[in-house]
Amino acid sequence: MDVFNYKQSNTVFNQLGRTLDLVIAQFICEVERDELPLVPEDDHHPALIVNLSSMFIKEPQFYYHHDKKTYNYRKADFVSLYVELGELDWDNLFISPNVDNVLEKMYDTIFSIFDKHIPLYRNHAHKYPRWYNSEIIRNVKLKSKYRKKFVRFGRKADLDEFRSLRRLLKHQIKLAYDQYTGRYSKYDN
């Protein structure tokens, strides 16, 4: 474990004072006993809650889903959705002793309710992420042009221009993404 910098984080003991369920990770995590388990608990394996550090959570990546259908939350009937979720008998969902079956049943139930109350729409193909503005797109094309010129002719001026545009683009893209996600403040530098 030392070679790969792994750490054993579970300090929750079972009824016999032993730790049978190991939580091994390279990042910081907290392990606690779950007081309200989803399924009946085994005496030798107590239910655990593993909290991962925010260092582990990555920014979402931009993917091109040309034909993927997604929920259109803007046109959802939230009142009916909330009513049906509120009337759902959650206790019957968690009867099975197998966690995988419980989770699959829970997702099937929730998504069937979503399908009734939230319409679907097809994503349109985008060549660039939504937060790219015309200036960023122009600079991406220009950067690509100078990279191709440097590869073809080997001129230092083309390489310098490519590096300059790459540095500028990193800043522009971060700023545009932060504005798109609402994390930008006019007081930030």
Protein backbone atom coordinates (compact mmCIF):
# COMPACT_ATOMS: atom_id res chain seq x y z
CA MET A 1 0.00 0.00 0.00
CA ASP A 2 2.91 2.35 0.65
CA VAL A 3 4.24 1.96 -2.90
CA PHE A 4 1.07 3.43 -4.42
CA ASN A 5 0.39 5.84 -1.52
CA TYR A 6 -2.86 4.08 -0.55
CA LYS A 7 -4.45 4.69 2.85
CA GLN A 8 -6.97 2.56 4.75
CA SER A 9 -9.66 4.95 5.96
CA ASN A 10 -12.29 2.76 7.66
CA THR A 11 -12.29 3.03 11.47
CA VAL A 12 -15.81 1.61 11.95
CA PHE A 13 -15.79 -1.70 13.80
CA ASN A 14 -18.40 -4.47 13.68
CA GLN A 15 -20.03 -6.05 16.76
CA LEU A 16 -16.94 -8.22 17.37
CA GLY A 17 -14.62 -5.20 17.34
CA ARG A 18 -13.16 -6.01 13.91
CA THR A 19 -12.88 -4.08 10.67
CA LEU A 20 -13.90 -6.39 7.81
CA ASP A 21 -14.83 -3.76 5.21
CA LEU A 22 -11.81 -1.89 3.97
CA VAL A 23 -11.93 1.54 2.34
CA ILE A 24 -8.63 1.96 0.54
CA ALA A 25 -7.92 5.10 -1.46
CA GLN A 26 -5.21 7.54 -2.54
CA PHE A 27 -7.33 10.54 -1.61
CA ILE A 28 -8.83 11.85 1.61
CA CYS A 29 -12.13 10.28 2.65
CA GLU A 30 -14.17 9.99 5.83
CA VAL A 31 -15.93 6.76 6.79
CA GLU A 32 -18.85 6.76 9.23
CA ARG A 33 -21.42 4.22 10.31
CA ASP A 34 -24.76 4.69 8.56
CA GLU A 35 -27.52 4.97 11.14
CA LEU A 36 -30.30 4.55 8.53
CA PRO A 37 -29.17 1.80 6.12
CA LEU A 38 -31.12 1.17 2.92
CA VAL A 39 -31.22 -2.62 3.46
CA PRO A 40 -31.13 -4.82 6.59
CA GLU A 41 -27.67 -4.70 8.11
CA ASP A 42 -25.38 -7.72 8.55
CA ASP A 43 -23.81 -8.09 12.05
CA HIS A 44 -20.33 -8.56 10.60
CA HIS A 45 -20.56 -5.80 7.99
CA PRO A 46 -22.07 -2.56 9.31
CA ALA A 47 -23.52 -0.09 6.80
CA LEU A 48 -21.01 2.62 5.95
CA ILE A 49 -21.13 6.13 4.55
CA VAL A 50 -17.99 7.15 2.65
CA ASN A 51 -17.52 10.90 2.16
CA LEU A 52 -15.00 11.76 -0.53
CA SER A 53 -12.96 14.92 -0.43
CA SER A 54 -13.75 17.68 -2.93
CA MET A 55 -10.25 17.19 -4.38
CA PHE A 56 -11.51 13.97 -5.93
CA ILE A 57 -14.46 15.56 -7.73
CA LYS A 58 -13.56 16.66 -11.26
CA GLU A 59 -15.16 19.26 -13.46
CA PRO A 60 -17.62 17.76 -15.91
CA GLN A 61 -16.22 17.05 -19.34
CA PHE A 62 -17.87 18.21 -22.55
CA TYR A 63 -19.03 15.31 -24.68
CA TYR A 64 -20.67 15.29 -28.08
CA HIS A 65 -23.95 13.37 -27.77
CA HIS A 66 -25.50 13.75 -31.18
CA ASP A 67 -28.56 11.54 -30.79
CA LYS A 68 -28.88 11.24 -27.03
CA LYS A 69 -32.27 12.19 -25.64
CA THR A 70 -32.31 14.07 -22.36
CA TYR A 71 -34.97 15.40 -20.02
CA ASN A 72 -36.33 18.86 -20.82
CA TYR A 73 -36.74 20.19 -17.26
CA ARG A 74 -38.03 23.54 -18.52
CA LYS A 75 -41.24 21.85 -19.71
CA ALA A 76 -41.60 19.47 -16.75
CA ASP A 77 -44.82 19.17 -14.75
CA PHE A 78 -43.13 19.56 -11.36
CA VAL A 79 -46.35 19.62 -9.33
CA SER A 80 -47.43 16.20 -10.62
CA LEU A 81 -43.87 14.92 -10.31
CA TYR A 82 -43.63 16.00 -6.66
CA VAL A 83 -47.06 14.57 -5.87
CA GLU A 84 -46.22 11.18 -7.36
CA LEU A 85 -42.81 11.06 -5.68
CA GLY A 86 -44.47 12.03 -2.38
CA GLU A 87 -47.08 9.26 -2.71
CA LEU A 88 -44.48 6.61 -3.54
CA ASP A 89 -44.16 3.83 -0.94
CA TRP A 90 -40.39 4.02 -0.41
CA ASP A 91 -40.37 1.24 2.23
CA ASN A 92 -41.42 -1.37 -0.34
CA LEU A 93 -38.51 -0.36 -2.57
CA PHE A 94 -35.96 -1.28 0.11
CA ILE A 95 -37.21 -4.75 1.07
CA SER A 96 -34.62 -6.84 -0.81
CA PRO A 97 -31.44 -7.74 1.13
CA ASN A 98 -29.39 -7.27 -2.05
CA VAL A 99 -28.22 -3.66 -2.41
CA ASP A 100 -27.82 -3.95 -6.19
CA ASN A 101 -31.45 -5.07 -6.60
CA VAL A 102 -32.66 -2.27 -4.34
CA LEU A 103 -30.70 0.34 -6.28
CA GLU A 104 -31.88 -0.98 -9.64
CA LYS A 105 -35.51 -1.03 -8.48
CA MET A 106 -35.20 2.50 -7.05
CA TYR A 107 -33.74 3.91 -10.30
CA ASP A 108 -36.35 2.11 -12.42
CA THR A 109 -39.14 3.57 -10.28
CA ILE A 110 -37.75 7.12 -10.25
CA PHE A 111 -37.03 7.17 -13.99
CA SER A 112 -40.48 5.77 -14.82
CA ILE A 113 -41.99 8.68 -12.86
CA PHE A 114 -39.64 11.10 -14.63
CA ASP A 115 -40.70 9.68 -18.00
CA LYS A 116 -44.36 10.44 -17.17
CA HIS A 117 -43.84 14.05 -16.12
CA ILE A 118 -40.73 15.32 -17.95
CA PRO A 119 -40.66 15.41 -21.76
CA LEU A 120 -37.56 14.35 -23.66
CA TYR A 121 -35.68 16.27 -26.32
CA ARG A 122 -32.85 15.35 -28.63
CA ASN A 123 -29.53 17.13 -28.21
CA HIS A 124 -28.34 18.92 -31.31
CA ALA A 125 -24.81 18.37 -32.48
CA HIS A 126 -22.44 21.17 -31.49
CA LYS A 127 -18.90 21.43 -32.73
CA TYR A 128 -17.90 23.48 -29.69
CA PRO A 129 -19.18 23.62 -26.11
CA ARG A 130 -22.05 26.03 -25.44
CA TRP A 131 -19.89 28.44 -23.46
CA TYR A 132 -17.55 29.12 -26.41
CA ASN A 133 -18.22 32.55 -27.90
CA SER A 134 -17.26 33.69 -31.41
CA GLU A 135 -13.92 35.12 -30.24
CA ILE A 136 -12.90 31.81 -28.64
CA ILE A 137 -13.92 29.84 -31.73
CA ARG A 138 -11.94 32.22 -33.96
CA ASN A 139 -8.87 31.86 -31.71
CA VAL A 140 -9.20 28.04 -31.67
CA LYS A 141 -9.11 28.03 -35.48
CA LEU A 142 -6.22 30.50 -35.54
CA LYS A 143 -4.25 28.44 -33.01
CA SER A 144 -4.77 25.33 -35.15
CA LYS A 145 -3.59 27.25 -38.22
CA TYR A 146 -0.32 28.32 -36.52
CA ARG A 147 0.30 24.82 -35.18
CA LYS A 148 -0.05 23.39 -38.70
CA LYS A 149 2.27 26.09 -40.07
CA PHE A 150 4.90 25.30 -37.43
CA VAL A 151 4.69 21.56 -38.10
CA ARG A 152 5.01 22.15 -41.85
CA PHE A 153 7.69 24.87 -41.96
CA GLY A 154 9.31 24.72 -38.49
CA ARG A 155 9.44 28.52 -38.04
CA LYS A 156 9.95 29.80 -34.50
CA ALA A 157 7.56 32.73 -35.11
CA ASP A 158 4.72 30.28 -35.81
CA LEU A 159 5.54 28.34 -32.64
CA ASP A 160 5.57 31.55 -30.57
CA GLU A 161 2.22 32.63 -32.01
CA PHE A 162 0.76 29.16 -31.32
CA ARG A 163 1.95 29.28 -27.68
CA SER A 164 0.63 32.80 -27.23
CA LEU A 165 -2.81 31.82 -28.59
CA ARG A 166 -2.87 28.66 -26.46
CA ARG A 167 -2.16 30.70 -23.32
CA LEU A 168 -4.83 33.25 -24.28
CA LEU A 169 -7.37 30.51 -25.06
CA LYS A 170 -6.88 28.80 -21.70
CA HIS A 171 -7.75 32.06 -19.97
CA GLN A 172 -10.69 32.86 -22.30
CA ILE A 173 -12.18 29.37 -22.00
CA LYS A 174 -11.94 29.35 -18.20
CA LEU A 175 -13.54 32.78 -18.00
CA ALA A 176 -16.32 31.84 -20.44
CA TYR A 177 -17.01 28.57 -18.60
CA ASP A 178 -17.17 30.31 -15.24
CA GLN A 179 -19.60 32.87 -16.67
CA TYR A 180 -21.66 30.08 -18.23
CA THR A 181 -21.92 28.18 -14.94
CA GLY A 182 -22.55 31.34 -12.90
CA ARG A 183 -19.35 31.20 -10.87
CA TYR A 184 -17.96 34.47 -12.21
CA SER A 185 -17.95 37.52 -10.02
CA LYS A 186 -17.30 41.02 -11.30
CA TYR A 187 -14.93 41.45 -8.33
CA ASP A 188 -12.64 38.60 -9.45
CA ASN A 189 -9.41 39.54 -11.19
